[in-house]
Amino acid sequence: MNYSQLFETIKGYVENDFPSTTWTDPAGTGQVVFTQKEQIDTFIQQAEQRIYNTIQFPAIRKNMTGTATANNKYLAVPSDYLYTYSLAVVDPVTGIYEYLLNKDVNFIREAFPYPLVTGKPTHYANFDANTFILGPTPDVSYTMELHFGYYPESIVTAGTSWVGDNMDALLLYGALLEAYTFMKGEQDVIVVYQKRYDEAFMMAKQLGDGKLRQDAYRDGQVRYPVK
């Protein structure tokens, strides 16, 4: 399901064209107009955010290399970084990948209290939203490889997405829940949408956090009891 199909399907299910609405600032500083597209796009993006934060699809996993510079204990994270799978340092002589241990900032400060004492990093922590802190402080420049989760481009701007192509029911019912809640719709209809979303969510969860993380050779085929 592409963006245009999703857009029209949402309107059809809830039987609402979402006409433009005007919000007046109580402070009297002006008015803001919310168009039909802005409203529906918000429902879709809220659904995407919920999905991407609850299921770890390979489609939202990314790999990137960067450089930790000598005498600088901080390493910038990518602009679209959401969470870490792993961080490795590449030995400049052997080329061997050595994976750093994730710790709290307090641990880094305690274990490596002297920033001027340098060496090959062995630990890291999320210092803030934009930076890792390394321990010890790098003695030379190192290539770093980061595997991380991220928010892919929304179907709203890209026109298509992995979830829209492969898990369209999940995206549709997630957006419908947002739209119907916005409309203050009937509770019984919301219950139906929630049930359909939960069913689609379980299928997506089995795929993203189950089947795509194993193979039949090592783990055997997925089996469900037959009654």
Protein backbone atom coordinates (compact mmCIF):
# COMPACT_ATOMS: atom_id res chain seq x y z
CA MET A 1 0.00 0.00 0.00
CA ASN A 2 1.50 3.31 -1.06
CA TYR A 3 0.86 6.72 0.48
CA SER A 4 -1.97 7.72 -1.85
CA GLN A 5 -3.81 4.44 -1.27
CA LEU A 6 -3.34 4.72 2.49
CA PHE A 7 -4.52 8.34 2.49
CA GLU A 8 -7.76 7.54 0.66
CA THR A 9 -8.38 4.34 2.62
CA ILE A 10 -8.21 6.20 5.94
CA LYS A 11 -10.82 8.69 4.74
CA GLY A 12 -13.03 5.89 3.46
CA TYR A 13 -12.91 3.81 6.64
CA VAL A 14 -13.78 6.68 8.99
CA GLU A 15 -16.07 8.41 6.46
CA ASN A 16 -14.45 11.75 7.12
CA ASP A 17 -12.72 14.11 4.68
CA PHE A 18 -11.02 15.95 7.58
CA PRO A 19 -11.76 19.48 6.36
CA SER A 20 -9.29 22.19 7.29
CA THR A 21 -9.62 23.42 10.86
CA THR A 22 -8.46 26.66 12.42
CA TRP A 23 -6.86 26.87 15.84
CA THR A 24 -6.77 30.24 17.57
CA ASP A 25 -4.00 30.89 20.05
CA PRO A 26 -5.61 31.71 23.44
CA ALA A 27 -2.94 34.38 23.90
CA GLY A 28 -4.27 36.12 20.82
CA THR A 29 -1.03 35.93 18.83
CA GLY A 30 -2.68 34.48 15.73
CA GLN A 31 -4.38 31.56 14.07
CA VAL A 32 -3.07 28.29 12.65
CA VAL A 33 -4.87 26.38 9.89
CA PHE A 34 -4.57 22.56 9.85
CA THR A 35 -5.28 21.22 6.40
CA GLN A 36 -6.74 17.83 5.52
CA LYS A 37 -3.31 16.56 4.46
CA GLU A 38 -1.62 17.77 7.63
CA GLN A 39 -4.18 15.99 9.80
CA ILE A 40 -4.02 12.65 7.99
CA ASP A 41 -0.23 12.81 7.67
CA THR A 42 -0.04 13.23 11.44
CA PHE A 43 -2.16 10.09 11.99
CA ILE A 44 0.12 8.10 9.68
CA GLN A 45 3.35 9.33 11.24
CA GLN A 46 2.08 8.64 14.76
CA ALA A 47 1.27 5.08 13.69
CA GLU A 48 4.73 4.69 12.16
CA GLN A 49 6.38 5.90 15.35
CA ARG A 50 4.44 3.37 17.42
CA ILE A 51 5.40 0.53 15.07
CA TYR A 52 9.09 1.41 14.81
CA ASN A 53 9.42 1.63 18.58
CA THR A 54 7.85 -1.76 19.29
CA ILE A 55 9.13 -4.05 16.52
CA GLN A 56 12.77 -4.29 15.41
CA PHE A 57 12.47 -4.94 11.69
CA PRO A 58 15.75 -5.32 9.76
CA ALA A 59 14.36 -2.56 7.53
CA ILE A 60 14.93 -0.05 10.35
CA ARG A 61 18.48 -1.20 11.03
CA LYS A 62 21.45 0.66 9.62
CA ASN A 63 25.25 0.36 9.59
CA MET A 64 27.62 3.33 9.52
CA THR A 65 31.32 3.91 10.03
CA GLY A 66 32.91 6.97 11.57
CA THR A 67 36.13 8.11 13.17
CA ALA A 68 37.04 8.51 16.82
CA THR A 69 39.79 11.12 16.90
CA ALA A 70 42.88 11.03 19.09
CA ASN A 71 42.55 12.70 22.51
CA ASN A 72 38.80 13.22 22.07
CA LYS A 73 36.66 11.04 24.33
CA TYR A 74 33.42 11.96 22.54
CA LEU A 75 31.99 10.40 19.38
CA ALA A 76 29.06 11.98 17.51
CA VAL A 77 26.08 9.76 16.70
CA PRO A 78 24.34 9.88 13.29
CA SER A 79 21.54 12.43 12.92
CA ASP A 80 18.92 9.67 12.45
CA TYR A 81 20.19 7.55 15.37
CA LEU A 82 17.51 6.01 17.59
CA TYR A 83 19.19 3.18 19.57
CA THR A 84 22.31 1.01 19.43
CA TYR A 85 22.73 -2.60 18.36
CA SER A 86 26.52 -2.57 18.62
CA LEU A 87 29.57 -0.31 18.45
CA ALA A 88 32.95 -1.69 17.35
CA VAL A 89 36.44 -0.27 17.06
CA VAL A 90 38.61 -1.42 14.16
CA ASP A 91 42.24 -2.04 15.12
CA PRO A 92 44.32 0.18 12.80
CA VAL A 93 47.08 -2.44 12.52
CA THR A 94 45.27 -5.80 12.35
CA GLY A 95 41.90 -4.65 11.04
CA ILE A 96 40.19 -6.77 13.70
CA TYR A 97 36.77 -5.62 14.92
CA GLU A 98 36.55 -5.33 18.69
CA TYR A 99 33.11 -4.65 20.15
CA LEU A 100 32.83 -2.09 22.93
CA LEU A 101 30.88 -2.76 26.12
CA ASN A 102 27.91 -0.49 26.73
CA LYS A 103 27.88 1.13 30.16
CA ASP A 104 26.41 4.13 31.96
CA VAL A 105 28.15 7.51 31.82
CA ASN A 106 28.86 7.22 35.53
CA PHE A 107 30.70 3.95 34.95
CA ILE A 108 32.86 5.56 32.26
CA ARG A 109 33.74 8.44 34.59
CA GLU A 110 34.56 6.04 37.42
CA ALA A 111 36.52 3.48 35.39
CA PHE A 112 38.41 6.07 33.31
CA PRO A 113 38.67 9.09 35.61
CA TYR A 114 41.61 10.72 33.82
CA PRO A 115 40.68 11.83 30.27
CA LEU A 116 44.35 12.44 29.45
CA VAL A 117 45.14 8.74 29.99
CA THR A 118 44.54 7.34 26.51
CA GLY A 119 44.27 3.94 24.83
CA LYS A 120 42.07 1.87 22.55
CA PRO A 121 38.41 2.36 23.57
CA THR A 122 36.82 -0.65 25.25
CA HIS A 123 33.62 0.87 26.68
CA TYR A 124 31.07 3.47 25.66
CA ALA A 125 27.93 5.15 26.95
CA ASN A 126 25.23 7.46 25.60
CA PHE A 127 26.45 10.81 26.87
CA ASP A 128 23.51 12.77 25.45
CA ALA A 129 21.14 12.66 22.49
CA ASN A 130 23.94 13.44 20.02
CA THR A 131 27.08 11.93 21.53
CA PHE A 132 28.73 8.79 22.85
CA ILE A 133 31.45 8.98 25.49
CA LEU A 134 34.32 6.51 25.07
CA GLY A 135 36.57 4.93 27.64
CA PRO A 136 39.44 5.21 27.61
CA THR A 137 40.02 8.36 25.55
CA PRO A 138 41.35 7.26 22.11
CA ASP A 139 45.14 7.45 21.83
CA VAL A 140 45.04 7.58 18.01
CA SER A 141 42.29 7.92 15.40
CA TYR A 142 40.15 4.79 15.14
CA THR A 143 37.56 3.69 12.63
CA MET A 144 34.33 2.95 14.49
CA GLU A 145 31.44 0.87 13.13
CA LEU A 146 27.98 1.47 14.54
CA HIS A 147 24.93 -0.74 13.98
CA PHE A 148 21.86 1.16 15.04
CA GLY A 149 18.11 1.46 14.79
CA TYR A 150 16.66 4.52 13.13
CA TYR A 151 13.44 6.05 11.87
CA PRO A 152 13.27 5.41 8.12
CA GLU A 153 11.77 8.08 5.91
CA SER A 154 8.04 8.27 6.44
CA ILE A 155 5.68 6.96 3.78
CA VAL A 156 4.21 10.47 3.92
CA THR A 157 7.28 11.93 2.18
CA ALA A 158 8.73 8.85 0.47
CA GLY A 159 5.46 7.65 -1.07
CA THR A 160 6.24 4.03 -0.15
CA SER A 161 7.83 2.24 2.80
CA TRP A 162 8.79 -1.26 3.89
CA VAL A 163 5.91 -1.40 6.35
CA GLY A 164 3.46 -0.11 3.75
CA ASP A 165 4.62 -2.73 1.24
CA ASN A 166 4.83 -5.69 3.65
CA MET A 167 2.64 -4.92 6.66
CA ASP A 168 -0.01 -2.61 5.26
CA ALA A 169 -2.74 -3.76 7.67
CA LEU A 170 -0.55 -2.82 10.63
CA LEU A 171 0.06 0.67 9.27
CA LEU A 172 -3.57 1.16 8.23
CA TYR A 173 -5.13 0.18 11.54
CA GLY A 174 -2.49 2.09 13.47
CA ALA A 175 -3.42 5.23 11.54
CA LEU A 176 -7.15 4.50 11.89
CA LEU A 177 -6.77 4.32 15.66
CA GLU A 178 -5.13 7.74 15.66
CA ALA A 179 -7.72 9.20 13.28
CA TYR A 180 -10.76 7.84 15.12
CA THR A 181 -9.39 8.90 18.48
CA PHE A 182 -8.95 12.40 17.04
CA MET A 183 -12.58 12.28 15.90
CA LYS A 184 -13.70 11.17 19.39
CA GLY A 185 -15.44 8.29 17.65
CA GLU A 186 -17.66 5.59 19.05
CA GLN A 187 -15.99 3.33 21.59
CA ASP A 188 -17.20 0.11 19.97
CA VAL A 189 -15.60 1.08 16.66
CA ILE A 190 -12.30 1.92 18.38
CA VAL A 191 -12.41 -1.52 20.02
CA VAL A 192 -12.75 -3.14 16.59
CA TYR A 193 -9.86 -1.10 15.18
CA GLN A 194 -7.73 -1.97 18.21
CA LYS A 195 -8.49 -5.67 17.79
CA ARG A 196 -7.53 -5.59 14.11
CA TYR A 197 -4.38 -3.63 14.95
CA ASP A 198 -3.43 -6.14 17.65
CA GLU A 199 -3.88 -9.03 15.20
CA ALA A 200 -1.67 -7.32 12.61
CA PHE A 201 0.82 -6.41 15.33
CA MET A 202 1.21 -10.02 16.43
CA MET A 203 1.93 -11.13 12.86
CA ALA A 204 4.47 -8.34 12.47
CA LYS A 205 6.05 -9.15 15.84
CA GLN A 206 6.41 -12.82 14.89
CA LEU A 207 8.14 -11.73 11.69
CA GLY A 208 10.35 -8.89 12.90
CA ASP A 209 11.36 -10.26 16.30
CA GLY A 210 11.04 -13.95 15.46
CA LYS A 211 11.28 -15.40 11.97
CA LEU A 212 13.74 -12.79 10.68
CA ARG A 213 16.09 -13.56 13.60
CA GLN A 214 16.45 -17.30 13.01
CA ASP A 215 16.77 -19.94 10.33
CA ALA A 216 15.46 -23.48 9.95
CA TYR A 217 18.96 -25.03 10.03
CA ARG A 218 19.88 -23.69 13.47
CA ASP A 219 16.50 -23.21 15.09
CA GLY A 220 14.16 -25.56 13.26
CA GLN A 221 11.04 -24.45 11.45
CA VAL A 222 8.53 -22.36 13.34
CA ARG A 223 5.85 -24.65 14.72
CA TYR A 224 2.43 -23.87 16.15
CA PRO A 225 0.33 -26.49 17.98
CA VAL A 226 -2.62 -27.79 15.96
CA LYS A 227 -5.79 -28.49 17.90
